[in-house]
């Protein structure tokens, strides 16, 4: 009844996204210097901010995974709240016109991963309360895993969008 490896993959996916963003920030600075320096600086600033925010989510996801391993529902819920707050910060951070689609893609991916974490906490709580049959547990776990996989795919697409922009 433990999807600890899946939650760990969430953290790895987010960390990989942060790495790609960090690399893209460097690439963007090289590519964009031939264009408007002000726009390039704004793009770099936004990407640096987004990178930091995604890193915070990666840390919270790592802590969430540790809480899952420790069967610590209170910490799981606290980490989901931390992820929620960071997603709100991302939503409230202004992106340049050029990077608005990237922002939207990351928000969508992160919200999907966040929903999977919330669903896992609810499932785990229900299992602890004894209110889930074995058959229902398997279906709900499958739903959580599918949501997680969808989020990972969306993160990959957002990462690809960053790489594409950095190569232009």
N, C-alpha and C. Protein backbone atom coordinates (compact mmCIF):
# COMPACT_ATOMS: atom_id res chain seq x y z
N UNK A 1 0.82 -1.20 0.00
CA UNK A 1 0.00 0.00 0.00
C UNK A 1 0.86 1.25 0.00
N UNK A 2 2.06 1.17 -0.51
CA UNK A 2 2.97 2.30 -0.46
C UNK A 2 3.40 2.66 -1.87
N UNK A 3 3.14 3.89 -2.28
CA UNK A 3 3.59 4.33 -3.60
C UNK A 3 4.81 5.24 -3.46
N UNK A 4 5.56 4.99 -2.42
CA UNK A 4 6.75 5.77 -2.16
C UNK A 4 7.65 5.91 -3.40
N UNK A 5 7.90 4.88 -4.18
CA UNK A 5 8.73 5.05 -5.38
C UNK A 5 8.11 6.03 -6.37
N UNK A 6 6.80 6.04 -6.50
CA UNK A 6 6.15 6.97 -7.42
C UNK A 6 6.32 8.41 -6.94
N UNK A 7 6.15 8.63 -5.63
CA UNK A 7 6.31 9.97 -5.09
C UNK A 7 7.76 10.42 -5.26
N UNK A 8 8.69 9.50 -5.10
CA UNK A 8 10.09 9.85 -5.30
C UNK A 8 10.32 10.27 -6.75
N UNK A 9 9.62 9.62 -7.69
CA UNK A 9 9.75 10.00 -9.09
C UNK A 9 9.21 11.40 -9.33
N UNK A 10 8.20 11.81 -8.55
CA UNK A 10 7.70 13.18 -8.67
C UNK A 10 8.84 14.14 -8.36
N UNK A 11 9.52 13.87 -7.26
CA UNK A 11 10.64 14.74 -6.88
C UNK A 11 11.73 14.73 -7.94
N UNK A 12 12.01 13.56 -8.49
CA UNK A 12 13.03 13.47 -9.53
C UNK A 12 12.61 14.23 -10.78
N UNK A 13 11.34 14.11 -11.13
CA UNK A 13 10.83 14.82 -12.31
C UNK A 13 10.92 16.32 -12.13
N UNK A 14 10.53 16.79 -10.95
CA UNK A 14 10.59 18.22 -10.68
C UNK A 14 12.04 18.68 -10.66
N UNK A 15 12.91 17.88 -10.05
CA UNK A 15 14.33 18.24 -10.02
C UNK A 15 14.91 18.28 -11.43
N UNK A 16 14.51 17.34 -12.27
CA UNK A 16 14.99 17.34 -13.65
C UNK A 16 14.50 18.59 -14.37
N UNK A 17 13.27 18.97 -14.09
CA UNK A 17 12.73 20.20 -14.69
C UNK A 17 13.52 21.41 -14.25
N UNK A 18 13.88 21.44 -12.98
CA UNK A 18 14.67 22.56 -12.47
C UNK A 18 16.04 22.61 -13.14
N UNK A 19 16.64 21.44 -13.35
CA UNK A 19 17.94 21.38 -14.01
C UNK A 19 17.84 21.90 -15.44
N UNK A 20 16.82 21.46 -16.16
CA UNK A 20 16.64 21.93 -17.54
C UNK A 20 16.42 23.44 -17.54
N UNK A 21 15.66 23.93 -16.59
CA UNK A 21 15.44 25.38 -16.51
C UNK A 21 16.75 26.12 -16.26
N UNK A 22 17.55 25.56 -15.37
CA UNK A 22 18.83 26.20 -15.08
C UNK A 22 19.70 26.24 -16.33
N UNK A 23 19.74 25.13 -17.05
CA UNK A 23 20.52 25.08 -18.29
C UNK A 23 19.95 26.03 -19.33
N UNK A 24 18.63 26.08 -19.42
CA UNK A 24 18.00 26.95 -20.40
C UNK A 24 18.23 28.42 -20.08
N UNK A 25 18.30 28.74 -18.81
CA UNK A 25 18.57 30.12 -18.43
C UNK A 25 19.92 30.54 -18.98
N UNK A 26 20.91 29.68 -18.84
CA UNK A 26 22.22 30.00 -19.40
C UNK A 26 22.18 30.10 -20.91
N UNK A 27 21.48 29.19 -21.54
CA UNK A 27 21.36 29.21 -23.00
C UNK A 27 20.60 30.44 -23.46
N UNK A 28 19.56 30.78 -22.75
CA UNK A 28 18.75 31.93 -23.12
C UNK A 28 19.59 33.20 -23.09
N UNK A 29 20.49 33.29 -22.11
CA UNK A 29 21.30 34.49 -22.03
C UNK A 29 22.20 34.60 -23.25
N UNK A 30 22.73 33.49 -23.74
CA UNK A 30 23.60 33.51 -24.91
C UNK A 30 22.80 33.82 -26.17
N UNK A 31 21.67 33.15 -26.34
CA UNK A 31 20.86 33.31 -27.54
C UNK A 31 20.23 34.69 -27.61
N UNK A 32 19.74 35.17 -26.49
CA UNK A 32 18.95 36.40 -26.50
C UNK A 32 19.81 37.66 -26.53
N UNK A 33 21.11 37.57 -26.29
CA UNK A 33 21.94 38.76 -26.26
C UNK A 33 21.95 39.47 -27.60
N UNK A 34 21.77 38.76 -28.68
CA UNK A 34 21.74 39.41 -29.99
C UNK A 34 20.43 40.16 -30.18
N UNK A 35 19.41 39.84 -29.41
CA UNK A 35 18.13 40.55 -29.47
C UNK A 35 18.16 41.66 -28.43
N UNK A 36 17.05 42.11 -28.07
CA UNK A 36 16.91 43.19 -27.09
C UNK A 36 17.44 42.76 -25.73
N UNK A 37 18.48 43.45 -25.22
CA UNK A 37 19.09 43.09 -23.95
C UNK A 37 18.10 43.18 -22.79
N UNK A 38 17.21 44.12 -22.85
CA UNK A 38 16.22 44.28 -21.79
C UNK A 38 15.28 43.07 -21.75
N UNK A 39 14.81 42.64 -22.89
CA UNK A 39 13.93 41.47 -22.96
C UNK A 39 14.68 40.23 -22.50
N UNK A 40 15.93 40.11 -22.91
CA UNK A 40 16.74 38.96 -22.50
C UNK A 40 16.92 38.95 -20.99
N UNK A 41 17.18 40.11 -20.41
CA UNK A 41 17.35 40.20 -18.96
C UNK A 41 16.06 39.82 -18.24
N UNK A 42 14.94 40.26 -18.77
CA UNK A 42 13.65 39.91 -18.16
C UNK A 42 13.40 38.42 -18.27
N UNK A 43 13.71 37.83 -19.41
CA UNK A 43 13.55 36.39 -19.58
C UNK A 43 14.44 35.62 -18.60
N UNK A 44 15.69 36.05 -18.48
CA UNK A 44 16.61 35.38 -17.55
C UNK A 44 16.11 35.50 -16.11
N UNK A 45 15.62 36.69 -15.76
CA UNK A 45 15.12 36.89 -14.41
C UNK A 45 13.92 35.99 -14.13
N UNK A 46 13.01 35.92 -15.10
CA UNK A 46 11.84 35.07 -14.91
C UNK A 46 12.25 33.61 -14.78
N UNK A 47 13.14 33.15 -15.64
CA UNK A 47 13.58 31.76 -15.60
C UNK A 47 14.30 31.46 -14.29
N UNK A 48 15.10 32.38 -13.79
CA UNK A 48 15.78 32.18 -12.51
C UNK A 48 14.75 32.06 -11.37
N UNK A 49 13.73 32.91 -11.41
CA UNK A 49 12.68 32.85 -10.39
C UNK A 49 11.92 31.53 -10.50
N UNK A 50 11.55 31.14 -11.70
CA UNK A 50 10.83 29.89 -11.91
C UNK A 50 11.69 28.71 -11.46
N UNK A 51 12.95 28.74 -11.77
CA UNK A 51 13.87 27.68 -11.36
C UNK A 51 13.88 27.55 -9.84
N UNK A 52 13.95 28.66 -9.14
CA UNK A 52 13.95 28.63 -7.68
C UNK A 52 12.64 28.06 -7.15
N UNK A 53 11.53 28.47 -7.74
CA UNK A 53 10.23 27.99 -7.30
C UNK A 53 10.08 26.49 -7.55
N UNK A 54 10.52 26.02 -8.69
CA UNK A 54 10.44 24.59 -8.99
C UNK A 54 11.37 23.81 -8.06
N UNK A 55 12.50 24.39 -7.72
CA UNK A 55 13.41 23.74 -6.75
C UNK A 55 12.73 23.60 -5.39
N UNK A 56 11.99 24.62 -4.98
CA UNK A 56 11.26 24.56 -3.71
C UNK A 56 10.23 23.42 -3.74
N UNK A 57 9.57 23.26 -4.87
CA UNK A 57 8.61 22.17 -5.00
C UNK A 57 9.33 20.83 -4.96
N UNK A 58 10.50 20.76 -5.58
CA UNK A 58 11.29 19.52 -5.54
C UNK A 58 11.66 19.16 -4.11
N UNK A 59 12.05 20.15 -3.32
CA UNK A 59 12.38 19.91 -1.91
C UNK A 59 11.16 19.43 -1.14
N UNK A 60 10.02 20.09 -1.36
CA UNK A 60 8.78 19.68 -0.69
C UNK A 60 8.39 18.27 -1.11
N UNK A 61 8.58 17.93 -2.38
CA UNK A 61 8.25 16.58 -2.86
C UNK A 61 9.17 15.54 -2.23
N UNK A 62 10.45 15.88 -2.08
CA UNK A 62 11.38 14.97 -1.38
C UNK A 62 10.92 14.74 0.05
N UNK A 63 10.56 15.83 0.72
CA UNK A 63 10.08 15.72 2.10
C UNK A 63 8.77 14.94 2.18
N UNK A 64 7.91 15.12 1.17
CA UNK A 64 6.66 14.37 1.10
C UNK A 64 6.97 12.88 1.02
N UNK A 65 7.91 12.52 0.17
CA UNK A 65 8.27 11.12 0.00
C UNK A 65 8.81 10.55 1.31
N UNK A 66 9.60 11.31 2.03
CA UNK A 66 10.11 10.85 3.33
C UNK A 66 8.96 10.66 4.31
N UNK A 67 7.99 11.56 4.27
CA UNK A 67 6.82 11.45 5.15
C UNK A 67 6.00 10.21 4.80
N UNK A 68 5.91 9.89 3.51
CA UNK A 68 5.21 8.67 3.09
C UNK A 68 5.93 7.46 3.68
N UNK A 69 7.25 7.45 3.56
CA UNK A 69 8.03 6.33 4.09
C UNK A 69 7.87 6.19 5.60
N UNK A 70 7.67 7.32 6.29
CA UNK A 70 7.50 7.32 7.75
C UNK A 70 6.04 7.19 8.17
N UNK A 71 5.13 7.08 7.20
CA UNK A 71 3.69 7.02 7.48
C UNK A 71 3.23 8.23 8.29
N UNK A 72 3.77 9.39 7.97
CA UNK A 72 3.50 10.64 8.69
C UNK A 72 2.53 11.50 7.87
N UNK A 73 1.23 11.30 8.10
CA UNK A 73 0.20 12.00 7.34
C UNK A 73 0.25 13.50 7.57
N UNK A 74 0.54 13.91 8.79
CA UNK A 74 0.58 15.35 9.10
C UNK A 74 1.65 16.04 8.25
N UNK A 75 2.82 15.45 8.15
CA UNK A 75 3.89 16.03 7.34
C UNK A 75 3.53 15.95 5.85
N UNK A 76 2.90 14.85 5.43
CA UNK A 76 2.47 14.76 4.03
C UNK A 76 1.56 15.94 3.70
N UNK A 77 0.59 16.20 4.56
CA UNK A 77 -0.35 17.29 4.32
C UNK A 77 0.36 18.64 4.35
N UNK A 78 1.32 18.80 5.26
CA UNK A 78 2.07 20.06 5.33
C UNK A 78 2.87 20.29 4.05
N UNK A 79 3.45 19.24 3.51
CA UNK A 79 4.24 19.37 2.28
C UNK A 79 3.34 19.66 1.08
N UNK A 80 2.15 19.08 1.05
CA UNK A 80 1.20 19.40 -0.01
C UNK A 80 0.81 20.88 0.09
N UNK A 81 0.63 21.37 1.31
CA UNK A 81 0.31 22.79 1.50
C UNK A 81 1.46 23.68 1.01
N UNK A 82 2.68 23.24 1.27
CA UNK A 82 3.85 24.00 0.80
C UNK A 82 3.89 24.03 -0.73
N UNK A 83 3.58 22.91 -1.35
CA UNK A 83 3.54 22.85 -2.81
C UNK A 83 2.44 23.78 -3.33
N UNK A 84 1.27 23.74 -2.68
CA UNK A 84 0.17 24.62 -3.08
C UNK A 84 0.60 26.09 -3.05
N UNK A 85 1.28 26.47 -1.98
CA UNK A 85 1.72 27.86 -1.84
C UNK A 85 2.71 28.23 -2.95
N UNK A 86 3.63 27.34 -3.24
CA UNK A 86 4.61 27.64 -4.28
C UNK A 86 3.96 27.71 -5.65
N UNK A 87 2.99 26.85 -5.90
CA UNK A 87 2.27 26.92 -7.17
C UNK A 87 1.55 28.26 -7.28
N UNK A 88 0.96 28.72 -6.19
CA UNK A 88 0.30 30.04 -6.21
C UNK A 88 1.33 31.13 -6.49
N UNK A 89 2.52 31.01 -5.90
CA UNK A 89 3.59 31.98 -6.17
C UNK A 89 3.96 31.97 -7.65
N UNK A 90 4.04 30.78 -8.24
CA UNK A 90 4.36 30.68 -9.66
C UNK A 90 3.26 31.35 -10.48
N UNK A 91 2.02 31.08 -10.13
CA UNK A 91 0.89 31.69 -10.85
C UNK A 91 0.94 33.21 -10.76
N UNK A 92 1.38 33.72 -9.62
CA UNK A 92 1.40 35.17 -9.40
C UNK A 92 2.67 35.85 -9.87
N UNK A 93 3.63 35.10 -10.36
CA UNK A 93 4.86 35.67 -10.90
C UNK A 93 4.62 36.01 -12.37
N UNK A 94 4.86 37.25 -12.72
CA UNK A 94 4.65 37.68 -14.10
C UNK A 94 5.73 37.10 -15.02
N UNK A 95 5.27 36.48 -16.07
CA UNK A 95 6.17 35.96 -17.10
C UNK A 95 6.21 36.95 -18.25
N UNK A 96 7.32 36.95 -18.95
CA UNK A 96 7.40 37.76 -20.16
C UNK A 96 6.46 37.15 -21.19
N UNK A 97 6.10 37.92 -22.18
CA UNK A 97 5.23 37.39 -23.23
C UNK A 97 5.83 36.13 -23.85
N UNK A 98 7.12 36.14 -24.05
CA UNK A 98 7.81 35.02 -24.68
C UNK A 98 7.72 33.75 -23.85
N UNK A 99 7.66 33.91 -22.52
CA UNK A 99 7.69 32.75 -21.62
C UNK A 99 6.34 32.43 -20.98
N UNK A 100 5.31 33.11 -21.39
CA UNK A 100 3.98 32.86 -20.80
C UNK A 100 3.52 31.42 -21.02
N UNK A 101 3.76 30.90 -22.21
CA UNK A 101 3.37 29.52 -22.50
C UNK A 101 4.13 28.54 -21.62
N UNK A 102 5.41 28.80 -21.41
CA UNK A 102 6.23 27.96 -20.53
C UNK A 102 5.63 27.98 -19.12
N UNK A 103 5.33 29.17 -18.64
CA UNK A 103 4.72 29.29 -17.32
C UNK A 103 3.43 28.48 -17.25
N UNK A 104 2.57 28.65 -18.23
CA UNK A 104 1.30 27.92 -18.24
C UNK A 104 1.52 26.41 -18.25
N UNK A 105 2.49 25.96 -19.03
CA UNK A 105 2.79 24.53 -19.09
C UNK A 105 3.28 23.99 -17.74
N UNK A 106 4.17 24.74 -17.09
CA UNK A 106 4.65 24.30 -15.77
C UNK A 106 3.55 24.33 -14.73
N UNK A 107 2.72 25.36 -14.74
CA UNK A 107 1.61 25.43 -13.78
C UNK A 107 0.70 24.23 -13.97
N UNK A 108 0.37 23.92 -15.20
CA UNK A 108 -0.50 22.77 -15.47
C UNK A 108 0.15 21.48 -14.98
N UNK A 109 1.41 21.28 -15.28
CA UNK A 109 2.12 20.07 -14.86
C UNK A 109 2.19 19.98 -13.34
N UNK A 110 2.55 21.08 -12.71
CA UNK A 110 2.70 21.07 -11.26
C UNK A 110 1.36 20.87 -10.56
N UNK A 111 0.31 21.45 -11.09
CA UNK A 111 -1.02 21.24 -10.51
C UNK A 111 -1.45 19.78 -10.64
N UNK A 112 -1.11 19.15 -11.73
CA UNK A 112 -1.42 17.73 -11.91
C UNK A 112 -0.67 16.88 -10.90
N UNK A 113 0.62 17.17 -10.71
CA UNK A 113 1.41 16.44 -9.71
C UNK A 113 0.88 16.71 -8.31
N UNK A 114 0.51 17.95 -8.04
CA UNK A 114 -0.04 18.33 -6.74
C UNK A 114 -1.34 17.57 -6.47
N UNK A 115 -2.18 17.49 -7.47
CA UNK A 115 -3.44 16.74 -7.32
C UNK A 115 -3.16 15.27 -7.02
N UNK A 116 -2.14 14.70 -7.64
CA UNK A 116 -1.78 13.31 -7.37
C UNK A 116 -1.31 13.16 -5.93
N UNK A 117 -0.54 14.10 -5.43
CA UNK A 117 -0.09 14.05 -4.04
C UNK A 117 -1.28 14.14 -3.09
N UNK A 118 -2.20 15.05 -3.38
CA UNK A 118 -3.40 15.20 -2.54
C UNK A 118 -4.23 13.92 -2.56
N UNK A 119 -4.37 13.32 -3.72
CA UNK A 119 -5.14 12.08 -3.83
C UNK A 119 -4.47 10.96 -3.05
N UNK A 120 -3.15 10.95 -3.07
CA UNK A 120 -2.44 9.92 -2.30
C UNK A 120 -2.65 10.13 -0.81
N UNK A 121 -2.57 11.37 -0.34
CA UNK A 121 -2.81 11.65 1.09
C UNK A 121 -4.21 11.20 1.48
N UNK A 122 -5.18 11.50 0.64
CA UNK A 122 -6.56 11.09 0.94
C UNK A 122 -6.68 9.57 0.96
N UNK A 123 -6.07 8.92 -0.01
CA UNK A 123 -6.10 7.46 -0.05
C UNK A 123 -5.43 6.88 1.19
N UNK A 124 -4.28 7.40 1.53
CA UNK A 124 -3.54 6.92 2.70
C UNK A 124 -4.36 7.11 3.96
N UNK A 125 -5.00 8.25 4.09
CA UNK A 125 -5.85 8.53 5.25
C UNK A 125 -7.02 7.56 5.30
N UNK A 126 -7.64 7.32 4.16
CA UNK A 126 -8.76 6.39 4.11
C UNK A 126 -8.33 4.97 4.47
N UNK A 127 -7.14 4.57 4.03
CA UNK A 127 -6.62 3.24 4.36
C UNK A 127 -6.40 3.15 5.87
N UNK A 128 -5.82 4.20 6.45
CA UNK A 128 -5.60 4.19 7.90
C UNK A 128 -6.91 4.11 8.67
N UNK A 129 -7.94 4.73 8.14
CA UNK A 129 -9.25 4.71 8.80
C UNK A 129 -10.01 3.43 8.52
N UNK A 130 -9.48 2.58 7.64
CA UNK A 130 -10.13 1.32 7.32
C UNK A 130 -11.37 1.47 6.45
N UNK A 131 -11.45 2.56 5.71
CA UNK A 131 -12.65 2.82 4.92
C UNK A 131 -12.48 2.52 3.43
N UNK A 132 -11.47 1.71 3.09
CA UNK A 132 -11.22 1.38 1.68
C UNK A 132 -11.10 -0.14 1.54
N UNK A 133 -11.89 -0.70 0.66
CA UNK A 133 -11.77 -2.13 0.37
C UNK A 133 -10.53 -2.35 -0.49
N UNK A 134 -10.07 -3.59 -0.54
CA UNK A 134 -8.88 -3.90 -1.35
C UNK A 134 -9.10 -3.55 -2.82
N UNK A 135 -10.28 -3.88 -3.34
CA UNK A 135 -10.57 -3.59 -4.75
C UNK A 135 -10.60 -2.09 -4.99
N UNK A 136 -11.24 -1.36 -4.11
CA UNK A 136 -11.33 0.10 -4.26
C UNK A 136 -9.95 0.74 -4.08
N UNK A 137 -9.16 0.20 -3.19
CA UNK A 137 -7.80 0.71 -2.99
C UNK A 137 -7.00 0.61 -4.29
N UNK A 138 -7.05 -0.54 -4.92
CA UNK A 138 -6.29 -0.74 -6.16
C UNK A 138 -6.71 0.26 -7.24
N UNK A 139 -8.02 0.50 -7.35
CA UNK A 139 -8.51 1.46 -8.35
C UNK A 139 -8.04 2.87 -8.02
N UNK A 140 -8.15 3.26 -6.78
CA UNK A 140 -7.72 4.61 -6.39
C UNK A 140 -6.22 4.78 -6.54
N UNK A 141 -5.47 3.76 -6.18
CA UNK A 141 -4.02 3.83 -6.36
C UNK A 141 -3.67 3.96 -7.83
N UNK A 142 -4.37 3.22 -8.66
CA UNK A 142 -4.16 3.32 -10.11
C UNK A 142 -4.48 4.73 -10.60
N UNK A 143 -5.54 5.32 -10.09
CA UNK A 143 -5.90 6.70 -10.46
C UNK A 143 -4.80 7.68 -10.05
N UNK A 144 -4.26 7.49 -8.84
CA UNK A 144 -3.17 8.36 -8.37
C UNK A 144 -1.96 8.20 -9.28
N UNK A 145 -1.62 6.98 -9.61
CA UNK A 145 -0.46 6.73 -10.45
C UNK A 145 -0.66 7.31 -11.85
N UNK A 146 -1.88 7.20 -12.37
CA UNK A 146 -2.16 7.78 -13.69
C UNK A 146 -2.05 9.30 -13.66
N UNK A 147 -2.55 9.92 -12.59
CA UNK A 147 -2.44 11.38 -12.46
C UNK A 147 -0.97 11.79 -12.37
N UNK A 148 -0.22 11.04 -11.59
CA UNK A 148 1.21 11.31 -11.47
C UNK A 148 1.90 11.20 -12.83
N UNK A 149 1.63 10.10 -13.55
CA UNK A 149 2.26 9.90 -14.86
C UNK A 149 1.89 11.03 -15.82
N UNK A 150 0.66 11.48 -15.76
CA UNK A 150 0.22 12.60 -16.60
C UNK A 150 1.01 13.86 -16.25
N UNK A 151 1.21 14.10 -14.96
CA UNK A 151 1.99 15.26 -14.53
C UNK A 151 3.43 15.19 -15.00
N UNK A 152 4.02 14.01 -14.93
CA UNK A 152 5.40 13.83 -15.40
C UNK A 152 5.49 14.11 -16.90
N UNK A 153 4.54 13.61 -17.65
CA UNK A 153 4.53 13.87 -19.09
C UNK A 153 4.39 15.37 -19.37
N UNK A 154 3.57 16.03 -18.62
CA UNK A 154 3.41 17.48 -18.79
C UNK A 154 4.69 18.22 -18.42
N UNK A 155 5.39 17.73 -17.38
CA UNK A 155 6.68 18.35 -17.01
C UNK A 155 7.68 18.18 -18.14
N UNK A 156 7.70 17.00 -18.73
CA UNK A 156 8.62 16.76 -19.85
C UNK A 156 8.30 17.71 -21.01
N UNK A 157 7.02 17.90 -21.28
CA UNK A 157 6.63 18.81 -22.36
C UNK A 157 7.03 20.24 -22.04
N UNK A 158 6.88 20.65 -20.79
CA UNK A 158 7.29 22.00 -20.39
C UNK A 158 8.81 22.14 -20.51
N UNK A 159 9.54 21.11 -20.09
CA UNK A 159 11.01 21.12 -20.23
C UNK A 159 11.40 21.24 -21.70
N UNK A 160 10.72 20.49 -22.56
CA UNK A 160 11.00 20.55 -23.99
C UNK A 160 10.74 21.94 -24.55
N UNK A 161 9.69 22.59 -24.05
CA UNK A 161 9.38 23.94 -24.51
C UNK A 161 10.49 24.91 -24.12
N UNK A 162 11.04 24.74 -22.94
CA UNK A 162 12.15 25.60 -22.49
C UNK A 162 13.36 25.38 -23.38
N UNK A 163 13.67 24.15 -23.67
CA UNK A 163 14.82 23.85 -24.53
C UNK A 163 14.60 24.44 -25.92
N UNK A 164 13.42 24.31 -26.45
CA UNK A 164 13.11 24.85 -27.77
C UNK A 164 13.31 26.37 -27.79
N UNK A 165 12.81 27.03 -26.77
CA UNK A 165 12.96 28.50 -26.70
C UNK A 165 14.42 28.86 -26.59
N UNK A 166 15.17 28.11 -25.77
CA UNK A 166 16.58 28.45 -25.56
C UNK A 166 17.41 28.23 -26.84
N UNK A 167 16.91 27.38 -27.73
CA UNK A 167 17.64 27.11 -28.97
C UNK A 167 17.27 28.04 -30.10
N UNK A 168 16.30 28.89 -29.89
CA UNK A 168 15.87 29.80 -30.96
C UNK A 168 16.82 30.98 -31.09
